[in-house]
C-alpha atoms as a PDB file:
ATOM      1  CA  MET A   1     -39.876  17.502  11.925  1.00  0.00           C
ATOM      2  CA  LYS A   2     -38.763  20.916  11.240  1.00  0.00           C
ATOM      3  CA  ASN A   3     -35.627  21.793  13.172  1.00  0.00           C
ATOM      4  CA  HIS A   4     -34.598  18.239  11.672  1.00  0.00           C
ATOM      5  CA  ALA A   5     -35.006  19.262   7.918  1.00  0.00           C
ATOM      6  CA  LEU A   6     -32.740  22.724   9.043  1.00  0.00           C
ATOM      7  CA  ALA A   7     -29.849  20.788  10.606  1.00  0.00           C
ATOM      8  CA  LEU A   8     -29.342  18.494   7.988  1.00  0.00           C
ATOM      9  CA  ALA A   9     -29.583  21.902   5.403  1.00  0.00           C
ATOM     10  CA  VAL A  10     -26.704  23.100   7.060  1.00  0.00           C
ATOM     11  CA  VAL A  11     -24.864  20.227   7.824  1.00  0.00           C
ATOM     12  CA  SER A  12     -25.472  19.583   3.837  1.00  0.00           C
ATOM     13  CA  ALA A  13     -24.704  23.066   3.403  1.00  0.00           C
ATOM     14  CA  TRP A  14     -21.274  23.414   5.005  1.00  0.00           C
ATOM     15  CA  GLY A  15     -20.259  18.960   4.491  1.00  0.00           C
ATOM     16  CA  LEU A  16     -18.972  17.517   6.943  1.00  0.00           C
ATOM     17  CA  ALA A  17     -19.739  18.623  10.446  1.00  0.00           C
ATOM     18  CA  PRO A  18     -15.791  18.269  11.308  1.00  0.00           C
ATOM     19  CA  GLN A  19     -15.073  19.923   8.230  1.00  0.00           C
ATOM     20  CA  ALA A  20     -17.160  23.061   8.998  1.00  0.00           C
ATOM     21  CA  TYR A  21     -14.958  23.706  12.288  1.00  0.00           C
ATOM     22  CA  SER A  22     -11.948  23.035  10.500  1.00  0.00           C
ATOM     23  CA  HIS A  23      -9.084  26.126   9.591  1.00  0.00           C
ATOM     24  CA  GLU A  24      -7.626  25.534   5.681  1.00  0.00           C
ATOM     25  CA  LEU A  25      -3.948  26.438   7.180  1.00  0.00           C
ATOM     26  CA  ALA A  26      -2.293  25.771   3.630  1.00  0.00           C
ATOM     27  CA  TYR A  27      -3.079  24.809   0.062  1.00  0.00           C
ATOM     28  CA  SER A  28      -0.855  23.186  -3.186  1.00  0.00           C
ATOM     29  CA  LYS A  29      -3.023  23.912  -5.705  1.00  0.00           C
ATOM     30  CA  SER A  30      -0.819  22.149  -7.709  1.00  0.00           C
ATOM     31  CA  GLU A  31      -0.266  18.682  -4.842  1.00  0.00           C
ATOM     32  CA  GLN A  32      -4.186  19.151  -4.716  1.00  0.00           C
ATOM     33  CA  ILE A  33      -3.708  19.021  -1.347  1.00  0.00           C
ATOM     34  CA  HIS A  34      -5.760  20.582   1.773  1.00  0.00           C
ATOM     35  CA  VAL A  35      -4.375  21.533   4.963  1.00  0.00           C
ATOM     36  CA  LEU A  36      -6.579  21.488   7.622  1.00  0.00           C
ATOM     37  CA  VAL A  37      -6.487  21.945  11.444  1.00  0.00           C
ATOM     38  CA  GLU A  38      -9.294  22.219  14.133  1.00  0.00           C
ATOM     39  CA  GLY A  39     -10.815  25.123  14.871  1.00  0.00           C
ATOM     40  CA  ASP A  40     -11.477  28.540  13.117  1.00  0.00           C
ATOM     41  CA  ALA A  41      -9.211  30.777  11.658  1.00  0.00           C
ATOM     42  CA  ALA A  42      -8.531  33.122  15.047  1.00  0.00           C
ATOM     43  CA  ASN A  43      -7.995  30.543  18.155  1.00  0.00           C
ATOM     44  CA  TRP A  44      -6.438  27.102  15.867  1.00  0.00           C
ATOM     45  CA  CYS A  45      -3.073  27.807  17.787  1.00  0.00           C
ATOM     46  CA  LYS A  46      -3.516  26.029  20.785  1.00  0.00           C
ATOM     47  CA  PRO A  47      -0.099  23.890  22.886  1.00  0.00           C
ATOM     48  CA  GLU A  48      -1.585  20.792  20.926  1.00  0.00           C
ATOM     49  CA  ILE A  49      -2.681  20.776  16.920  1.00  0.00           C
ATOM     50  CA  ALA A  50      -3.950  18.052  15.069  1.00  0.00           C
ATOM     51  CA  ILE A  51      -4.022  18.472  11.043  1.00  0.00           C
ATOM     52  CA  THR A  52      -5.307  16.695   8.698  1.00  0.00           C
ATOM     53  CA  MET A  53      -3.762  17.210   4.988  1.00  0.00           C
ATOM     54  CA  GLN A  54      -6.501  15.626   2.250  1.00  0.00           C
ATOM     55  CA  ARG A  55      -5.871  14.685  -0.969  1.00  0.00           C
ATOM     56  CA  PRO A  56      -7.855  13.371  -3.548  1.00  0.00           C
ATOM     57  CA  VAL A  57      -5.877   9.793  -3.870  1.00  0.00           C
ATOM     58  CA  TRP A  58      -2.868   9.795  -2.303  1.00  0.00           C
ATOM     59  CA  ASP A  59      -0.574   7.913  -4.473  1.00  0.00           C
ATOM     60  CA  ASP A  60       2.833   8.611  -4.323  1.00  0.00           C
ATOM     61  CA  GLN A  61       4.795   9.513  -1.370  1.00  0.00           C
ATOM     62  CA  LYS A  62       7.200  12.223  -2.915  1.00  0.00           C
ATOM     63  CA  PRO A  63       3.939  14.915  -1.960  1.00  0.00           C
ATOM     64  CA  LEU A  64       3.976  14.742   1.547  1.00  0.00           C
ATOM     65  CA  ASN A  65       7.392  14.359   2.051  1.00  0.00           C
ATOM     66  CA  GLY A  66       7.485  17.728   0.048  1.00  0.00           C
ATOM     67  CA  LEU A  67       4.179  19.004   2.158  1.00  0.00           C
ATOM     68  CA  LEU A  68       6.292  17.808   5.530  1.00  0.00           C
ATOM     69  CA  SER A  69       9.591  19.709   4.099  1.00  0.00           C
ATOM     70  CA  LYS A  70       7.896  22.928   3.837  1.00  0.00           C
ATOM     71  CA  LEU A  71       5.135  22.968   7.018  1.00  0.00           C
ATOM     72  CA  PRO A  72       7.884  23.855   9.414  1.00  0.00           C
ATOM     73  CA  PHE A  73       8.073  27.188   8.264  1.00  0.00           C
ATOM     74  CA  ILE A  74       4.257  28.053   8.217  1.00  0.00           C
ATOM     75  CA  LEU A  75       3.831  26.697  11.609  1.00  0.00           C
ATOM     76  CA  GLY A  76       6.826  28.347  12.892  1.00  0.00           C
ATOM     77  CA  GLN A  77       5.966  31.651  11.907  1.00  0.00           C
ATOM     78  CA  GLU A  78       2.548  30.976  13.406  1.00  0.00           C
ATOM     79  CA  CYS A  79       2.572  28.626  16.349  1.00  0.00           C
ATOM     80  CA  PRO A  80       5.842  28.610  16.897  1.00  0.00           C
ATOM     81  CA  SER A  81       5.664  25.770  20.101  1.00  0.00           C
ATOM     82  CA  ALA A  82       3.023  23.292  19.192  1.00  0.00           C
ATOM     83  CA  LYS A  83       3.144  20.168  19.365  1.00  0.00           C
ATOM     84  CA  VAL A  84       1.680  18.567  16.257  1.00  0.00           C
ATOM     85  CA  SER A  85      -0.257  15.302  14.905  1.00  0.00           C
ATOM     86  CA  TRP A  86      -1.053  15.368  11.624  1.00  0.00           C
ATOM     87  CA  LYS A  87      -2.810  12.227   9.569  1.00  0.00           C
ATOM     88  CA  ALA A  88      -2.925  12.148   5.450  1.00  0.00           C
ATOM     89  CA  VAL A  89      -6.069  10.559   4.757  1.00  0.00           C
ATOM     90  CA  ASP A  90      -7.435  10.820   0.703  1.00  0.00           C
ATOM     91  CA  ALA A  91     -10.895  11.688  -0.856  1.00  0.00           C
ATOM     92  CA  LYS A  92     -13.481   8.819   0.801  1.00  0.00           C
ATOM     93  CA  GLY A  93     -11.507   9.180   4.357  1.00  0.00           C
ATOM     94  CA  ALA A  94      -8.753   6.602   4.520  1.00  0.00           C
ATOM     95  CA  VAL A  95      -5.799   7.666   6.627  1.00  0.00           C
ATOM     96  CA  TYR A  96      -2.459   7.265   3.963  1.00  0.00           C
ATOM     97  CA  ALA A  97       0.284   8.149   6.550  1.00  0.00           C
ATOM     98  CA  THR A  98       0.450   9.535  10.416  1.00  0.00           C
ATOM     99  CA  GLY A  99       2.969  11.037  12.161  1.00  0.00           C
ATOM    100  CA  VAL A 100       3.630  13.214  15.646  1.00  0.00           C
ATOM    101  CA  GLY A 101       6.476  16.046  16.285  1.00  0.00           C
ATOM    102  CA  THR A 102       6.416  19.619  16.647  1.00  0.00           C
ATOM    103  CA  ALA A 103       5.870  23.028  14.911  1.00  0.00           C
ATOM    104  CA  THR A 104       9.458  23.182  14.099  1.00  0.00           C
ATOM    105  CA  GLN A 105       9.720  19.501  12.860  1.00  0.00           C
ATOM    106  CA  MET A 106       6.972  17.400  12.029  1.00  0.00           C
ATOM    107  CA  GLY A 107       8.709  14.352  12.324  1.00  0.00           C
ATOM    108  CA  LEU A 108       8.394  10.658  10.959  1.00  0.00           C
ATOM    109  CA  ALA A 109       5.869   9.645   8.458  1.00  0.00           C
ATOM    110  CA  THR A 110       4.224   6.155   9.342  1.00  0.00           C
ATOM    111  CA  LEU A 111       2.978   4.445   6.148  1.00  0.00           C
ATOM    112  CA  THR A 112       0.065   2.830   7.098  1.00  0.00           C
ATOM    113  CA  ALA A 113      -0.572  -0.690   5.219  1.00  0.00           C
ATOM    114  CA  ALA A 114      -1.336  -0.422   1.278  1.00  0.00           C
ATOM    115  CA  PRO A 115      -4.497  -1.547   0.603  1.00  0.00           C
ATOM    116  CA  ALA A 116      -5.040  -5.267  -0.553  1.00  0.00           C
ATOM    117  CA  VAL A 117      -5.170  -5.305  -4.640  1.00  0.00           C
ATOM    118  CA  VAL A 118      -7.971  -6.735  -5.542  1.00  0.00           C
ATOM    119  CA  GLU A 119      -7.717  -9.084  -8.435  1.00  0.00           C
ATOM    120  CA  ALA A 120     -10.183  -8.699 -10.315  1.00  0.00           C
ATOM    121  CA  PRO A 121     -12.943 -12.353 -11.477  1.00  0.00           C
ATOM    122  CA  VAL A 122     -11.392 -13.622 -14.249  1.00  0.00           C
ATOM    123  CA  ALA A 123     -14.192 -14.277 -17.478  1.00  0.00           C
ATOM    124  CA  ALA A 124     -15.132 -18.364 -17.717  1.00  0.00           C
ATOM    125  CA  GLN A 125     -12.821 -19.131 -21.186  1.00  0.00           C
ATOM    126  CA  THR A 126     -13.339 -22.143 -22.433  1.00  0.00           C
ATOM    127  CA  PRO A 127      -9.302 -24.329 -22.137  1.00  0.00           C
ATOM    128  CA  ALA A 128      -6.743 -23.918 -24.596  1.00  0.00           C
ATOM    129  CA  PRO A 129      -6.739 -27.477 -25.887  1.00  0.00           C
ATOM    130  CA  ALA A 130      -3.867 -29.682 -24.977  1.00  0.00           C
ATOM    131  CA  PRO A 131      -0.727 -29.713 -27.269  1.00  0.00           C
ATOM    132  CA  VAL A 132      -0.806 -32.512 -28.971  1.00  0.00           C
ATOM    133  CA  ALA A 133       2.978 -34.536 -28.456  1.00  0.00           C
ATOM    134  CA  THR A 134       4.536 -36.676 -30.831  1.00  0.00           C
ATOM    135  CA  PRO A 135       5.506 -39.777 -29.397  1.00  0.00           C
ATOM    136  CA  VAL A 136       8.710 -40.405 -29.353  1.00  0.00           C
ATOM    137  CA  VAL A 137      11.072 -43.432 -30.673  1.00  0.00           C
ATOM    138  CA  ALA A 138      13.754 -44.125 -29.540  1.00  0.00           C
ATOM    139  CA  PRO A 139      16.054 -46.761 -32.385  1.00  0.00           C
ATOM    140  CA  ALA A 140      15.755 -49.958 -31.192  1.00  0.00           C
ATOM    141  CA  ALA A 141      19.523 -51.352 -31.137  1.00  0.00           C
ATOM    142  CA  ALA A 142      20.991 -53.627 -32.584  1.00  0.00           C
ATOM    143  CA  PRO A 143      21.471 -57.490 -32.205  1.00  0.00           C
ATOM    144  CA  VAL A 144      24.861 -58.442 -32.300  1.00  0.00           C
ATOM    145  CA  ALA A 145      25.796 -61.816 -32.979  1.00  0.00           C
ATOM    146  CA  ALA A 146      28.826 -62.592 -30.976  1.00  0.00           C
ATOM    147  CA  PRO A 147      30.326 -66.139 -30.430  1.00  0.00           C
ATOM    148  CA  VAL A 148      29.936 -66.471 -26.655  1.00  0.00           C
ATOM    149  CA  ALA A 149      32.552 -69.253 -25.067  1.00  0.00           C
ATOM    150  CA  THR A 150      31.210 -70.810 -22.371  1.00  0.00           C
ATOM    151  CA  GLN A 151      33.350 -72.300 -20.062  1.00  0.00           C
ATOM    152  CA  ALA A 152      33.545 -76.225 -18.499  1.00  0.00           C
ATOM    153  CA  PRO A 153      32.843 -76.052 -14.487  1.00  0.00           C
ATOM    154  CA  THR A 154      36.169 -76.887 -12.656  1.00  0.00           C
ATOM    155  CA  GLU A 155      35.856 -79.443  -9.956  1.00  0.00           C
ATOM    156  CA  VAL A 156      38.386 -78.095  -7.108  1.00  0.00           C
ATOM    157  CA  ALA A 157      38.418 -80.980  -3.943  1.00  0.00           C
ATOM    158  CA  ALA A 158      38.643 -79.432  -0.697  1.00  0.00           C
ATOM    159  CA  PRO A 159      41.699 -80.981   1.165  1.00  0.00           C
ATOM    160  CA  VAL A 160      40.297 -82.994   3.849  1.00  0.00           C
ATOM    161  CA  ALA A 161      42.053 -83.187   6.963  1.00  0.00           C
END
């Protein structure tokens, strides 16, 4: 029981276990982006590295594009031959974008589908009264009294053969 409590205290103090084994490669204070790479400060550079870019909310692609243009400078100096896979996640761990590339070219960003917008339920409202339409009365056509001449029926005899 004491071992479980000790393990829980250690994990709680460090946060999530995967972050305990991550090295912060860069931090953008203005954009609030943490760039983490697996491993510690002494051994993170490997032939293949996985980078996680964390931000409270990815509501715009502009900060990601800016970061992807700057990371090759850091990686080119620290770990120039690495193959890189990366992902951008928000505070809840939802993936915003992913990509693969090299230390000198981070590759193209593949954005994940935008989360579906859930509309808030509309409060029950009393229906608006239907507008009362005033009946449109077309003016009645005045009767025209005109004399009508009737023709007498004419008979034509057909020749009989």
